[in-house]
Amino acid sequence: MVPFNSFAEYAPEPNPETKKKDVVWFALNEDRMLTAFAGIWTEFKGDRAAPSQSQFPDRIKSMVS
């Protein structure tokens, strides 16, 4: 089980004003209570594109649908 209280994905199309994809947040409701996806959750161990963020491990997930 992969626990979460909210998650984000990029919008499918860029915002016409900013020309960038907006970040869209999802949750079960406004209380953001803890729930879970069926899936696999592990730490990423490898090179990253942004070295400035490398002080924190990445939590990689794969959800089963």
PDB file of N, CA and C in Angstrom:
ATOM      1  N   MET A   1       0.842  -1.177   0.000  1.00  0.00           N
ATOM      2  CA  MET A   1       0.000   0.000   0.000  1.00  0.00           C
ATOM      3  C   MET A   1       0.891   1.246   0.000  1.00  0.00           C
ATOM      4  N   VAL A   2       0.512   2.231  -0.780  1.00  0.00           N
ATOM      5  CA  VAL A   2       1.235   3.502  -0.857  1.00  0.00           C
ATOM      6  C   VAL A   2       0.377   4.558  -0.166  1.00  0.00           C
ATOM      7  N   PRO A   3       0.756   4.997   1.042  1.00  0.00           N
ATOM      8  CA  PRO A   3      -0.059   5.981   1.762  1.00  0.00           C
ATOM      9  C   PRO A   3       0.052   7.370   1.140  1.00  0.00           C
ATOM     10  N   PHE A   4      -1.050   8.117   1.208  1.00  0.00           N
ATOM     11  CA  PHE A   4      -1.043   9.513   0.746  1.00  0.00           C
ATOM     12  C   PHE A   4      -2.202  10.253   1.386  1.00  0.00           C
ATOM     13  N   ASN A   5      -2.079  11.574   1.437  1.00  0.00           N
ATOM     14  CA  ASN A   5      -3.216  12.407   1.826  1.00  0.00           C
ATOM     15  C   ASN A   5      -3.585  13.363   0.694  1.00  0.00           C
ATOM     16  N   SER A   6      -2.658  13.566  -0.243  1.00  0.00           N
ATOM     17  CA  SER A   6      -2.932  14.319  -1.462  1.00  0.00           C
ATOM     18  C   SER A   6      -1.770  14.054  -2.420  1.00  0.00           C
ATOM     19  N   PHE A   7      -1.998  14.314  -3.684  1.00  0.00           N
ATOM     20  CA  PHE A   7      -0.933  14.162  -4.674  1.00  0.00           C
ATOM     21  C   PHE A   7      -1.180  15.139  -5.808  1.00  0.00           C
ATOM     22  N   ALA A   8      -0.158  15.376  -6.599  1.00  0.00           N
ATOM     23  CA  ALA A   8      -0.253  16.358  -7.675  1.00  0.00           C
ATOM     24  C   ALA A   8       0.198  15.745  -8.988  1.00  0.00           C
ATOM     25  N   GLU A   9      -0.385  16.248 -10.050  1.00  0.00           N
ATOM     26  CA  GLU A   9       0.020  15.895 -11.406  1.00  0.00           C
ATOM     27  C   GLU A   9      -0.026  17.165 -12.242  1.00  0.00           C
ATOM     28  N   TYR A  10       0.747  17.169 -13.307  1.00  0.00           N
ATOM     29  CA  TYR A  10       0.692  18.310 -14.218  1.00  0.00           C
ATOM     30  C   TYR A  10      -0.564  18.216 -15.077  1.00  0.00           C
ATOM     31  N   ALA A  11      -1.152  19.356 -15.390  1.00  0.00           N
ATOM     32  CA  ALA A  11      -2.292  19.416 -16.301  1.00  0.00           C
ATOM     33  C   ALA A  11      -1.854  18.889 -17.666  1.00  0.00           C
ATOM     34  N   PRO A  12      -2.776  18.297 -18.425  1.00  0.00           N
ATOM     35  CA  PRO A  12      -2.388  17.724 -19.713  1.00  0.00           C
ATOM     36  C   PRO A  12      -1.926  18.756 -20.743  1.00  0.00           C
ATOM     37  N   GLU A  13      -2.436  19.966 -20.665  1.00  0.00           N
ATOM     38  CA  GLU A  13      -2.097  21.014 -21.635  1.00  0.00           C
ATOM     39  C   GLU A  13      -1.508  22.228 -20.930  1.00  0.00           C
ATOM     40  N   PRO A  14      -0.601  22.964 -21.571  1.00  0.00           N
ATOM     41  CA  PRO A  14      -0.057  24.183 -20.964  1.00  0.00           C
ATOM     42  C   PRO A  14      -1.125  25.252 -20.756  1.00  0.00           C
ATOM     43  N   ASN A  15      -0.931  26.060 -19.732  1.00  0.00           N
ATOM     44  CA  ASN A  15      -1.794  27.205 -19.469  1.00  0.00           C
ATOM     45  C   ASN A  15      -1.535  28.228 -20.575  1.00  0.00           C
ATOM     46  N   PRO A  16      -2.583  28.723 -21.264  1.00  0.00           N
ATOM     47  CA  PRO A  16      -2.367  29.667 -22.372  1.00  0.00           C
ATOM     48  C   PRO A  16      -1.671  30.968 -21.946  1.00  0.00           C
ATOM     49  N   GLU A  17      -1.866  31.381 -20.688  1.00  0.00           N
ATOM     50  CA  GLU A  17      -1.248  32.630 -20.221  1.00  0.00           C
ATOM     51  C   GLU A  17       0.225  32.460 -19.879  1.00  0.00           C
ATOM     52  N   THR A  18       0.573  31.354 -19.206  1.00  0.00           N
ATOM     53  CA  THR A  18       1.950  31.170 -18.750  1.00  0.00           C
ATOM     54  C   THR A  18       2.779  30.295 -19.691  1.00  0.00           C
ATOM     55  N   LYS A  19       2.106  29.573 -20.580  1.00  0.00           N
ATOM     56  CA  LYS A  19       2.751  28.633 -21.506  1.00  0.00           C
ATOM     57  C   LYS A  19       3.401  27.448 -20.775  1.00  0.00           C
ATOM     58  N   LYS A  20       3.081  27.286 -19.469  1.00  0.00           N
ATOM     59  CA  LYS A  20       3.580  26.167 -18.682  1.00  0.00           C
ATOM     60  C   LYS A  20       2.397  25.331 -18.194  1.00  0.00           C
ATOM     61  N   LYS A  21       2.665  24.066 -17.921  1.00  0.00           N
ATOM     62  CA  LYS A  21       1.607  23.200 -17.399  1.00  0.00           C
ATOM     63  C   LYS A  21       1.366  23.516 -15.930  1.00  0.00           C
ATOM     64  N   ASP A  22       0.097  23.720 -15.562  1.00  0.00           N
ATOM     65  CA  ASP A  22      -0.267  23.959 -14.165  1.00  0.00           C
ATOM     66  C   ASP A  22      -0.153  22.665 -13.365  1.00  0.00           C
ATOM     67  N   VAL A  23       0.088  22.797 -12.070  1.00  0.00           N
ATOM     68  CA  VAL A  23       0.089  21.655 -11.168  1.00  0.00           C
ATOM     69  C   VAL A  23      -1.324  21.526 -10.600  1.00  0.00           C
ATOM     70  N   VAL A  24      -1.900  20.340 -10.710  1.00  0.00           N
ATOM     71  CA  VAL A  24      -3.262  20.085 -10.235  1.00  0.00           C
ATOM     72  C   VAL A  24      -3.181  19.121  -9.052  1.00  0.00           C
ATOM     73  N   TRP A  25      -3.755  19.520  -7.908  1.00  0.00           N
ATOM     74  CA  TRP A  25      -3.727  18.693  -6.698  1.00  0.00           C
ATOM     75  C   TRP A  25      -5.004  17.891  -6.563  1.00  0.00           C
ATOM     76  N   PHE A  26      -4.868  16.658  -6.049  1.00  0.00           N
ATOM     77  CA  PHE A  26      -5.995  15.759  -5.827  1.00  0.00           C
ATOM     78  C   PHE A  26      -5.978  15.286  -4.370  1.00  0.00           C
ATOM     79  N   ALA A  27      -7.165  15.118  -3.780  1.00  0.00           N
ATOM     80  CA  ALA A  27      -7.333  14.563  -2.437  1.00  0.00           C
ATOM     81  C   ALA A  27      -8.743  13.987  -2.354  1.00  0.00           C
ATOM     82  N   LEU A  28      -8.972  13.145  -1.363  1.00  0.00           N
ATOM     83  CA  LEU A  28     -10.322  12.583  -1.210  1.00  0.00           C
ATOM     84  C   LEU A  28     -11.344  13.660  -0.882  1.00  0.00           C
ATOM     85  N   ASN A  29     -10.944  14.606  -0.014  1.00  0.00           N
ATOM     86  CA  ASN A  29     -11.805  15.746   0.327  1.00  0.00           C
ATOM     87  C   ASN A  29     -10.912  16.839   0.918  1.00  0.00           C
ATOM     88  N   GLU A  30     -11.505  17.914   1.373  1.00  0.00           N
ATOM     89  CA  GLU A  30     -10.719  19.035   1.892  1.00  0.00           C
ATOM     90  C   GLU A  30      -9.987  18.713   3.189  1.00  0.00           C
ATOM     91  N   ASP A  31     -10.419  17.669   3.907  1.00  0.00           N
ATOM     92  CA  ASP A  31      -9.743  17.277   5.153  1.00  0.00           C
ATOM     93  C   ASP A  31      -8.409  16.583   4.890  1.00  0.00           C
ATOM     94  N   ARG A  32      -8.192  16.111   3.663  1.00  0.00           N
ATOM     95  CA  ARG A  32      -6.971  15.421   3.255  1.00  0.00           C
ATOM     96  C   ARG A  32      -6.620  14.277   4.202  1.00  0.00           C
ATOM     97  N   MET A  33      -7.614  13.471   4.541  1.00  0.00           N
ATOM     98  CA  MET A  33      -7.379  12.332   5.425  1.00  0.00           C
ATOM     99  C   MET A  33      -6.471  11.300   4.759  1.00  0.00           C
ATOM    100  N   LEU A  34      -5.735  10.570   5.570  1.00  0.00           N
ATOM    101  CA  LEU A  34      -4.799   9.577   5.061  1.00  0.00           C
ATOM    102  C   LEU A  34      -5.549   8.412   4.429  1.00  0.00           C
ATOM    103  N   THR A  35      -5.108   8.019   3.265  1.00  0.00           N
ATOM    104  CA  THR A  35      -5.651   6.863   2.564  1.00  0.00           C
ATOM    105  C   THR A  35      -4.497   6.205   1.819  1.00  0.00           C
ATOM    106  N   ALA A  36      -4.761   5.238   0.960  1.00  0.00           N
ATOM    107  CA  ALA A  36      -3.661   4.539   0.294  1.00  0.00           C
ATOM    108  C   ALA A  36      -4.065   4.036  -1.081  1.00  0.00           C
ATOM    109  N   PHE A  37      -3.076   3.939  -1.950  1.00  0.00           N
ATOM    110  CA  PHE A  37      -3.196   3.276  -3.254  1.00  0.00           C
ATOM    111  C   PHE A  37      -2.569   1.893  -3.116  1.00  0.00           C
ATOM    112  N   ALA A  38      -3.045   0.957  -3.891  1.00  0.00           N
ATOM    113  CA  ALA A  38      -2.319  -0.300  -4.028  1.00  0.00           C
ATOM    114  C   ALA A  38      -1.144  -0.018  -4.948  1.00  0.00           C
ATOM    115  N   GLY A  39       0.033  -0.433  -4.570  1.00  0.00           N
ATOM    116  CA  GLY A  39       1.178  -0.161  -5.428  1.00  0.00           C
ATOM    117  C   GLY A  39       2.491  -0.475  -4.765  1.00  0.00           C
ATOM    118  N   ILE A  40       3.561  -0.008  -5.378  1.00  0.00           N
ATOM    119  CA  ILE A  40       4.918  -0.238  -4.908  1.00  0.00           C
ATOM    120  C   ILE A  40       5.531   1.118  -4.591  1.00  0.00           C
ATOM    121  N   TRP A  41       6.232   1.209  -3.458  1.00  0.00           N
ATOM    122  CA  TRP A  41       6.808   2.469  -3.000  1.00  0.00           C
ATOM    123  C   TRP A  41       8.238   2.197  -2.551  1.00  0.00           C
ATOM    124  N   THR A  42       9.187   2.911  -3.096  1.00  0.00           N
ATOM    125  CA  THR A  42      10.589   2.701  -2.744  1.00  0.00           C
ATOM    126  C   THR A  42      11.358   4.010  -2.869  1.00  0.00           C
ATOM    127  N   GLU A  43      12.549   4.056  -2.302  1.00  0.00           N
ATOM    128  CA  GLU A  43      13.412   5.224  -2.479  1.00  0.00           C
ATOM    129  C   GLU A  43      14.184   5.078  -3.776  1.00  0.00           C
ATOM    130  N   PHE A  44      14.327   6.177  -4.494  1.00  0.00           N
ATOM    131  CA  PHE A  44      15.121   6.216  -5.717  1.00  0.00           C
ATOM    132  C   PHE A  44      16.581   6.307  -5.335  1.00  0.00           C
ATOM    133  N   LYS A  45      17.407   5.463  -5.928  1.00  0.00           N
ATOM    134  CA  LYS A  45      18.843   5.511  -5.667  1.00  0.00           C
ATOM    135  C   LYS A  45      19.556   5.617  -7.009  1.00  0.00           C
ATOM    136  N   GLY A  46      19.894   6.831  -7.410  1.00  0.00           N
ATOM    137  CA  GLY A  46      20.546   7.050  -8.689  1.00  0.00           C
ATOM    138  C   GLY A  46      20.816   8.522  -8.917  1.00  0.00           C
ATOM    139  N   ASP A  47      21.246   8.879 -10.105  1.00  0.00           N
ATOM    140  CA  ASP A  47      21.528  10.270 -10.449  1.00  0.00           C
ATOM    141  C   ASP A  47      20.234  11.041 -10.637  1.00  0.00           C
ATOM    142  N   ARG A  48      20.288  12.305 -10.268  1.00  0.00           N
ATOM    143  CA  ARG A  48      19.129  13.178 -10.414  1.00  0.00           C
ATOM    144  C   ARG A  48      19.457  14.303 -11.376  1.00  0.00           C
ATOM    145  N   ALA A  49      18.416  14.855 -11.976  1.00  0.00           N
ATOM    146  CA  ALA A  49      18.600  15.964 -12.918  1.00  0.00           C
ATOM    147  C   ALA A  49      18.934  17.269 -12.192  1.00  0.00           C
ATOM    148  N   ALA A  50      18.470  17.431 -10.961  1.00  0.00           N
ATOM    149  CA  ALA A  50      18.672  18.675 -10.217  1.00  0.00           C
ATOM    150  C   ALA A  50      19.543  18.414  -8.986  1.00  0.00           C
ATOM    151  N   PRO A  51      20.868  18.596  -9.081  1.00  0.00           N
ATOM    152  CA  PRO A  51      21.749  18.312  -7.947  1.00  0.00           C
ATOM    153  C   PRO A  51      21.413  19.114  -6.693  1.00  0.00           C
ATOM    154  N   SER A  52      20.822  20.281  -6.831  1.00  0.00           N
ATOM    155  CA  SER A  52      20.494  21.103  -5.668  1.00  0.00           C
ATOM    156  C   SER A  52      19.435  20.441  -4.789  1.00  0.00           C
ATOM    157  N   GLN A  53      18.701  19.479  -5.311  1.00  0.00           N
ATOM    158  CA  GLN A  53      17.657  18.810  -4.546  1.00  0.00           C
ATOM    159  C   GLN A  53      18.103  17.453  -4.013  1.00  0.00           C
ATOM    160  N   SER A  54      19.354  17.079  -4.216  1.00  0.00           N
ATOM    161  CA  SER A  54      19.811  15.733  -3.895  1.00  0.00           C
ATOM    162  C   SER A  54      19.953  15.456  -2.398  1.00  0.00           C
ATOM    163  N   GLN A  55      19.773  16.461  -1.522  1.00  0.00           N
ATOM    164  CA  GLN A  55      19.900  16.227  -0.085  1.00  0.00           C
ATOM    165  C   GLN A  55      18.734  15.423   0.470  1.00  0.00           C
ATOM    166  N   PHE A  56      17.632  15.322  -0.262  1.00  0.00           N
ATOM    167  CA  PHE A  56      16.473  14.572   0.182  1.00  0.00           C
ATOM    168  C   PHE A  56      16.232  13.388  -0.753  1.00  0.00           C
ATOM    169  N   PRO A  57      15.957  12.201  -0.199  1.00  0.00           N
ATOM    170  CA  PRO A  57      15.703  11.045  -1.075  1.00  0.00           C
ATOM    171  C   PRO A  57      14.359  11.185  -1.801  1.00  0.00           C
ATOM    172  N   ASP A  58      14.301  10.677  -3.004  1.00  0.00           N
ATOM    173  CA  ASP A  58      13.040  10.653  -3.736  1.00  0.00           C
ATOM    174  C   ASP A  58      12.238   9.446  -3.315  1.00  0.00           C
ATOM    175  N   ARG A  59      10.937   9.619  -3.152  1.00  0.00           N
ATOM    176  CA  ARG A  59      10.046   8.503  -2.879  1.00  0.00           C
ATOM    177  C   ARG A  59       9.329   8.206  -4.183  1.00  0.00           C
ATOM    178  N   ILE A  60       9.665   7.097  -4.810  1.00  0.00           N
ATOM    179  CA  ILE A  60       9.103   6.721  -6.093  1.00  0.00           C
ATOM    180  C   ILE A  60       7.968   5.746  -5.868  1.00  0.00           C
ATOM    181  N   LYS A  61       6.882   5.930  -6.605  1.00  0.00           N
ATOM    182  CA  LYS A  61       5.730   5.042  -6.431  1.00  0.00           C
ATOM    183  C   LYS A  61       5.250   4.552  -7.782  1.00  0.00           C
ATOM    184  N   SER A  62       4.618   3.419  -7.759  1.00  0.00           N
ATOM    185  CA  SER A  62       3.942   2.879  -8.926  1.00  0.00           C
ATOM    186  C   SER A  62       2.582   2.412  -8.451  1.00  0.00           C
ATOM    187  N   MET A  63       1.526   2.950  -9.039  1.00  0.00           N
ATOM    188  CA  MET A  63       0.177   2.608  -8.601  1.00  0.00           C
ATOM    189  C   MET A  63      -0.433   1.556  -9.500  1.00  0.00           C
ATOM    190  N   VAL A  64      -1.195   0.681  -8.916  1.00  0.00           N
ATOM    191  CA  VAL A  64      -1.891  -0.366  -9.650  1.00  0.00           C
ATOM    192  C   VAL A  64      -3.309   0.122  -9.932  1.00  0.00           C
ATOM    193  N   SER A  65      -3.702   0.067 -11.180  1.00  0.00           N
ATOM    194  CA  SER A  65      -5.070   0.493 -11.502  1.00  0.00           C
ATOM    195  C   SER A  65      -5.816  -0.581 -12.251  1.00  0.00           C
TER     196      SER A  65
END
